Amino acid sequence: MKQDSPLPNRGNDGQTDRVHPLIEVLALDSLLRRQKPVVLLDVRWHLAGPPGIESYRRGHLPGAVFVDLDRDVAGPPGPGGRHPLPDPVAFESAMRRAGVSQDGLVVVYDDADSTAAARVWWSLRYFGHDRVRVLDGGYRAWTEAGRPVSDDDPEVKPGDFIANPGRLPVLDAEGAAELATAGVLLDARAAERYRGDQEPVDPVAGHIPGARNAPTSGNVGVDGRFLPSELLRERFAKLGVTDAVDVGAYCGSGVTAAHEILALHLAGIPAALYVGSWSNWVTDPSNPVATGDD
């Protein structure tokens, strides 16, 4: 994999051929005030609940449409993992209902550190939509900046998005195992889950042998915004990531690992996502499990 070309500035208005994956509050507010066409997707989600729709109904960015990560951005849980790739037709339908058009700008946000938003960013790009950005700092940054919120259900004009899968690299279990040996495979979960000290969700604790722990919490500052690209590049370099090796990431179910992919992208490093992640890995008892710091 070759290093990505330099990204345009975070604050641009999304009209360049190569859209920066992040957008700041001031830049988004300017677009909306100028009545530039933007589809806002609210994807607030937490692994342990409550459902994000409850937060959305209490207040969201004006005009934002709620997207359910479990229902709209992933397929049904099963052997493929807890958040496997959705069926292309189902994903296309969900995005059209949310107003996503083939060439229109999409801005995604959540209310934490962009973990859920990154999975939507990755999914749209995987299915062929290039003009998608994540609101850096999310709903928290928007409200802390004193920007308006609404509890109205917006009228949505259906979009014409066409899902064209395969636009980003993905890994299966075999590919993840190979990359852990021949390249760099990053485990985006918290250190205690990586070591196998605890496993609150999946039936087996531990990690893929050879994977290196890189919790997504290290990709952002205390304000939930992504670190500058040079700091992200330094962080990943310490984990053995260079332009000369192939890189991939996994987590519990392919959600936080998408956040890792976004952070790597910001650092100029292309990487593949093991969508099924640990929840898929442990469905095969022949797959080896490592514990400790490895």
Protein backbone atom coordinates (compact mmCIF):
# COMPACT_ATOMS: atom_id res chain seq x y z
CA MET A 1 0.00 0.00 0.00
CA LYS A 2 1.33 3.42 -0.89
CA GLN A 3 1.09 6.40 1.44
CA ASP A 4 -1.90 8.66 0.82
CA SER A 5 -1.22 12.03 -0.76
CA PRO A 6 -1.37 15.07 1.55
CA LEU A 7 -4.84 15.98 2.73
CA PRO A 8 -6.42 19.37 2.11
CA ASN A 9 -6.95 21.64 5.09
CA ARG A 10 -9.55 20.60 7.66
CA GLY A 11 -11.39 23.89 7.36
CA ASN A 12 -12.18 23.87 3.65
CA ASP A 13 -15.79 23.71 2.51
CA GLY A 14 -15.63 20.30 0.89
CA GLN A 15 -15.59 21.55 -2.69
CA THR A 16 -12.15 20.20 -3.57
CA ASP A 17 -11.78 16.98 -5.53
CA ARG A 18 -10.24 15.29 -2.50
CA VAL A 19 -12.30 16.01 0.59
CA HIS A 20 -10.57 16.10 3.96
CA PRO A 21 -12.20 13.49 6.22
CA LEU A 22 -12.72 15.97 9.07
CA ILE A 23 -14.63 19.21 9.29
CA GLU A 24 -14.51 21.70 12.16
CA VAL A 25 -17.55 23.29 13.80
CA LEU A 26 -16.85 26.74 12.34
CA ALA A 27 -16.51 25.38 8.82
CA LEU A 28 -19.72 23.36 9.06
CA ASP A 29 -21.61 26.26 10.58
CA SER A 30 -20.44 28.46 7.72
CA LEU A 31 -21.68 25.95 5.14
CA LEU A 32 -25.07 25.73 6.79
CA ARG A 33 -25.41 29.51 7.12
CA ARG A 34 -24.60 29.86 3.43
CA GLN A 35 -27.29 27.24 2.76
CA LYS A 36 -24.83 24.98 1.03
CA PRO A 37 -26.33 21.51 0.44
CA VAL A 38 -25.13 19.23 3.24
CA VAL A 39 -26.65 15.98 4.49
CA LEU A 40 -26.14 15.70 8.25
CA LEU A 41 -26.17 12.21 9.74
CA ASP A 42 -26.50 11.79 13.51
CA VAL A 43 -25.10 8.39 14.47
CA ARG A 44 -24.99 8.58 18.24
CA TRP A 45 -24.43 5.06 19.53
CA HIS A 46 -22.98 3.35 22.59
CA LEU A 47 -22.15 -0.32 22.95
CA ALA A 48 -23.90 -0.60 26.30
CA GLY A 49 -26.80 1.74 25.37
CA PRO A 50 -29.06 3.56 25.70
CA PRO A 51 -30.18 3.73 22.06
CA GLY A 52 -28.87 6.81 20.30
CA ILE A 53 -32.32 7.78 19.03
CA GLU A 54 -33.18 8.94 22.56
CA SER A 55 -30.33 11.46 22.52
CA TYR A 56 -31.27 12.51 19.00
CA ARG A 57 -34.84 13.27 20.03
CA ARG A 58 -33.64 15.46 22.90
CA GLY A 59 -31.59 17.58 20.52
CA HIS A 60 -29.53 17.37 17.34
CA LEU A 61 -27.94 19.59 14.73
CA PRO A 62 -30.69 21.36 12.79
CA GLY A 63 -31.65 19.23 9.80
CA ALA A 64 -29.73 16.15 10.94
CA VAL A 65 -31.19 12.71 10.25
CA PHE A 66 -30.69 9.89 12.74
CA VAL A 67 -28.89 6.80 11.45
CA ASP A 68 -29.00 3.62 13.51
CA LEU A 69 -25.55 2.02 13.49
CA ASP A 70 -26.85 -1.46 14.34
CA ARG A 71 -29.69 -1.42 11.81
CA ASP A 72 -28.50 0.84 8.98
CA VAL A 73 -24.71 0.49 8.93
CA ALA A 74 -24.23 -3.20 9.73
CA GLY A 75 -25.76 -6.50 8.79
CA PRO A 76 -27.45 -8.81 11.29
CA PRO A 77 -25.05 -10.21 13.94
CA GLY A 78 -23.92 -13.78 13.43
CA PRO A 79 -20.83 -15.79 12.46
CA GLY A 80 -19.57 -12.79 10.49
CA GLY A 81 -19.38 -10.77 13.71
CA ARG A 82 -21.54 -8.42 15.73
CA HIS A 83 -21.38 -5.63 13.12
CA PRO A 84 -20.66 -7.31 9.77
CA LEU A 85 -20.85 -5.53 6.46
CA PRO A 86 -24.45 -4.74 5.52
CA ASP A 87 -26.05 -6.03 2.37
CA PRO A 88 -25.32 -3.42 -0.33
CA VAL A 89 -28.99 -3.06 -1.24
CA ALA A 90 -29.98 -2.58 2.40
CA PHE A 91 -27.21 -0.01 2.97
CA GLU A 92 -28.12 1.85 -0.21
CA SER A 93 -31.76 1.99 0.87
CA ALA A 94 -30.88 3.24 4.36
CA MET A 95 -28.64 5.98 3.01
CA ARG A 96 -31.23 7.05 0.45
CA ARG A 97 -33.85 7.31 3.21
CA ALA A 98 -31.43 9.56 5.08
CA GLY A 99 -31.15 11.83 2.04
CA VAL A 100 -27.68 10.78 0.82
CA SER A 101 -27.13 11.51 -2.86
CA GLN A 102 -24.41 10.19 -5.08
CA ASP A 103 -22.31 13.36 -5.21
CA GLY A 104 -23.63 15.43 -2.30
CA LEU A 105 -21.56 16.33 0.75
CA VAL A 106 -22.29 14.22 3.84
CA VAL A 107 -21.23 15.18 7.37
CA VAL A 108 -21.45 12.55 10.10
CA TYR A 109 -21.25 13.06 13.86
CA ASP A 110 -21.78 11.32 17.18
CA ASP A 111 -21.59 12.59 20.76
CA ALA A 112 -18.30 11.04 21.86
CA ASP A 113 -14.93 10.76 20.11
CA SER A 114 -16.24 10.02 16.58
CA THR A 115 -16.08 6.25 17.03
CA ALA A 116 -19.55 5.61 15.59
CA ALA A 117 -19.21 8.43 13.08
CA ALA A 118 -15.99 6.90 11.77
CA ARG A 119 -17.77 3.62 11.04
CA VAL A 120 -20.33 5.50 8.90
CA TRP A 121 -17.50 7.48 7.24
CA TRP A 122 -15.72 4.23 6.44
CA SER A 123 -18.91 2.48 5.26
CA LEU A 124 -19.90 5.26 2.88
CA ARG A 125 -16.42 5.31 1.41
CA TYR A 126 -16.35 1.50 1.14
CA PHE A 127 -19.61 1.66 -0.80
CA GLY A 128 -18.35 4.37 -3.12
CA HIS A 129 -19.22 7.76 -1.61
CA ASP A 130 -16.14 10.01 -1.51
CA ARG A 131 -17.61 13.28 -0.22
CA VAL A 132 -18.13 12.34 3.42
CA ARG A 133 -16.65 14.07 6.45
CA VAL A 134 -16.70 13.60 10.21
CA LEU A 135 -17.52 16.56 12.47
CA ASP A 136 -14.40 16.71 14.62
CA GLY A 137 -15.49 16.72 18.27
CA GLY A 138 -19.05 15.83 17.30
CA TYR A 139 -22.20 17.02 19.03
CA ARG A 140 -20.22 18.02 22.11
CA ALA A 141 -18.01 20.41 20.13
CA TRP A 142 -21.06 21.85 18.35
CA THR A 143 -22.93 22.65 21.57
CA GLU A 144 -19.85 23.88 23.42
CA ALA A 145 -19.36 26.37 20.59
CA GLY A 146 -22.87 27.69 21.25
CA ARG A 147 -24.29 26.51 17.95
CA PRO A 148 -28.05 25.87 17.69
CA VAL A 149 -29.74 22.51 18.17
CA SER A 150 -33.21 21.27 17.32
CA ASP A 151 -35.61 18.55 18.42
CA ASP A 152 -37.65 18.66 15.20
CA ASP A 153 -37.88 15.74 12.79
CA PRO A 154 -36.62 17.13 9.49
CA GLU A 155 -38.34 16.56 6.18
CA VAL A 156 -35.99 14.40 4.15
CA LYS A 157 -35.77 14.38 0.39
CA PRO A 158 -34.76 10.83 -0.57
CA GLY A 159 -31.31 10.59 -2.07
CA ASP A 160 -30.04 8.73 -5.12
CA PHE A 161 -26.94 7.12 -3.62
CA ILE A 162 -25.80 3.94 -5.38
CA ALA A 163 -23.87 1.45 -3.29
CA ASN A 164 -20.79 0.20 -5.10
CA PRO A 165 -18.96 -2.07 -2.60
CA GLY A 166 -15.27 -2.79 -2.47
CA ARG A 167 -13.83 0.72 -2.65
CA LEU A 168 -11.71 0.24 0.49
CA PRO A 169 -9.57 -2.76 1.52
CA VAL A 170 -10.98 -5.27 3.97
CA LEU A 171 -9.61 -8.32 5.77
CA ASP A 172 -11.09 -11.67 6.67
CA ALA A 173 -9.76 -13.88 9.47
CA GLU A 174 -7.14 -15.49 7.24
CA GLY A 175 -5.96 -12.12 5.98
CA ALA A 176 -5.79 -10.69 9.49
CA ALA A 177 -3.66 -13.62 10.68
CA GLU A 178 -1.31 -13.20 7.74
CA LEU A 179 -1.00 -9.45 8.25
CA ALA A 180 -0.19 -9.90 11.94
CA THR A 181 2.91 -11.78 10.80
CA ALA A 182 3.87 -10.13 7.52
CA GLY A 183 2.79 -6.54 8.27
CA VAL A 184 1.26 -4.63 11.15
CA LEU A 185 -2.15 -5.55 12.56
CA LEU A 186 -3.45 -3.06 15.13
CA ASP A 187 -5.91 -4.02 17.85
CA ALA A 188 -7.98 -0.92 18.58
CA ARG A 189 -9.55 -2.16 21.83
CA ALA A 190 -8.65 -1.09 25.34
CA ALA A 191 -5.50 -2.65 26.77
CA GLU A 192 -7.35 -4.84 29.28
CA ARG A 193 -9.38 -6.46 26.52
CA TYR A 194 -6.29 -6.90 24.33
CA ARG A 195 -4.42 -8.61 27.17
CA GLY A 196 -7.39 -10.80 27.97
CA ASP A 197 -7.74 -9.45 31.51
CA GLN A 198 -11.43 -9.00 30.84
CA GLU A 199 -13.90 -9.45 27.99
CA PRO A 200 -17.28 -7.83 28.58
CA VAL A 201 -18.87 -8.72 25.25
CA ASP A 202 -17.38 -11.68 23.41
CA PRO A 203 -17.14 -15.28 24.71
CA VAL A 204 -13.33 -15.50 24.51
CA ALA A 205 -10.76 -13.04 25.89
CA GLY A 206 -7.43 -12.17 24.29
CA HIS A 207 -6.18 -11.03 20.91
CA ILE A 208 -4.98 -12.24 17.52
CA PRO A 209 -1.38 -13.48 17.90
CA GLY A 210 1.07 -10.88 16.63
CA ALA A 211 -1.39 -7.98 16.77
CA ARG A 212 -0.21 -4.77 18.42
CA ASN A 213 -2.41 -2.87 20.83
CA ALA A 214 -3.34 0.67 19.76
CA PRO A 215 -6.45 1.78 21.72
CA THR A 216 -8.49 4.35 19.83
CA SER A 217 -8.47 6.57 22.92
CA GLY A 218 -4.91 7.46 21.92
CA ASN A 219 -6.11 8.95 18.62
CA VAL A 220 -7.92 11.87 20.23
CA GLY A 221 -7.38 14.53 22.88
CA VAL A 222 -9.42 15.07 26.02
CA ASP A 223 -11.87 17.13 23.98
CA GLY A 224 -12.65 14.19 21.69
CA ARG A 225 -10.98 15.80 18.69
CA PHE A 226 -8.42 13.93 16.61
CA LEU A 227 -4.77 14.67 17.25
CA PRO A 228 -2.86 16.55 14.55
CA SER A 229 -1.72 14.31 11.71
CA GLU A 230 1.97 14.58 12.66
CA LEU A 231 1.26 13.35 16.20
CA LEU A 232 -0.83 10.49 14.85
CA ARG A 233 1.98 9.54 12.50
CA GLU A 234 4.44 9.55 15.41
CA ARG A 235 2.08 7.40 17.46
CA PHE A 236 1.72 4.77 14.75
CA ALA A 237 5.43 4.83 13.94
CA LYS A 238 6.12 3.71 17.52
CA LEU A 239 3.92 0.70 16.80
CA GLY A 240 5.98 -0.24 13.76
CA VAL A 241 3.81 1.40 11.12
CA THR A 242 5.87 2.64 8.19
CA ASP A 243 5.29 3.29 4.50
CA ALA A 244 7.05 0.00 3.77
CA VAL A 245 4.55 -2.31 5.49
CA ASP A 246 0.92 -3.22 4.97
CA VAL A 247 -1.35 -2.18 7.83
CA GLY A 248 -4.71 -3.37 9.10
CA ALA A 249 -6.90 -2.85 12.14
CA TYR A 250 -9.53 -4.74 14.10
CA CYS A 251 -11.45 -4.34 17.35
CA GLY A 252 -14.40 -6.14 18.92
CA SER A 253 -16.82 -5.83 16.03
CA GLY A 254 -15.36 -3.44 13.45
CA VAL A 255 -16.65 -0.16 14.90
CA THR A 256 -13.75 1.27 16.88
CA ALA A 257 -11.36 -0.20 14.31
CA ALA A 258 -12.96 2.12 11.73
CA HIS A 259 -11.89 4.97 14.03
CA GLU A 260 -8.36 3.55 13.83
CA ILE A 261 -8.59 3.47 10.04
CA LEU A 262 -9.64 7.13 10.03
CA ALA A 263 -6.76 8.08 12.34
CA LEU A 264 -4.33 6.20 10.10
CA HIS A 265 -5.81 7.97 7.08
CA LEU A 266 -5.22 11.32 8.77
CA ALA A 267 -1.61 10.25 9.30
CA GLY A 268 -1.29 9.47 5.59
CA ILE A 269 -1.34 5.71 6.08
CA PRO A 270 -3.75 3.49 4.11
CA ALA A 271 -5.03 0.51 6.08
CA ALA A 272 -7.43 -2.40 5.73
CA LEU A 273 -10.33 -3.04 8.11
CA TYR A 274 -11.07 -6.48 9.53
CA VAL A 275 -14.80 -5.84 9.65
CA GLY A 276 -15.74 -9.00 11.54
CA SER A 277 -12.92 -8.37 14.02
CA TRP A 278 -12.64 -10.28 17.30
CA SER A 279 -16.34 -11.23 17.31
CA ASN A 280 -15.75 -13.09 14.05
CA TRP A 281 -12.32 -14.45 14.97
CA VAL A 282 -13.58 -16.31 18.04
CA THR A 283 -16.38 -18.08 16.16
CA ASP A 284 -13.77 -20.47 14.79
CA PRO A 285 -12.26 -22.51 17.64
CA SER A 286 -9.25 -23.35 15.46
CA ASN A 287 -8.15 -19.69 15.43
CA PRO A 288 -5.37 -19.17 17.98
CA VAL A 289 -5.78 -16.74 20.87
CA ALA A 290 -2.98 -14.82 22.58
CA THR A 291 -3.12 -13.15 25.97
CA GLY A 292 -0.88 -10.77 27.87
CA ASP A 293 1.22 -8.06 26.25
CA ASP A 294 2.44 -10.39 23.46
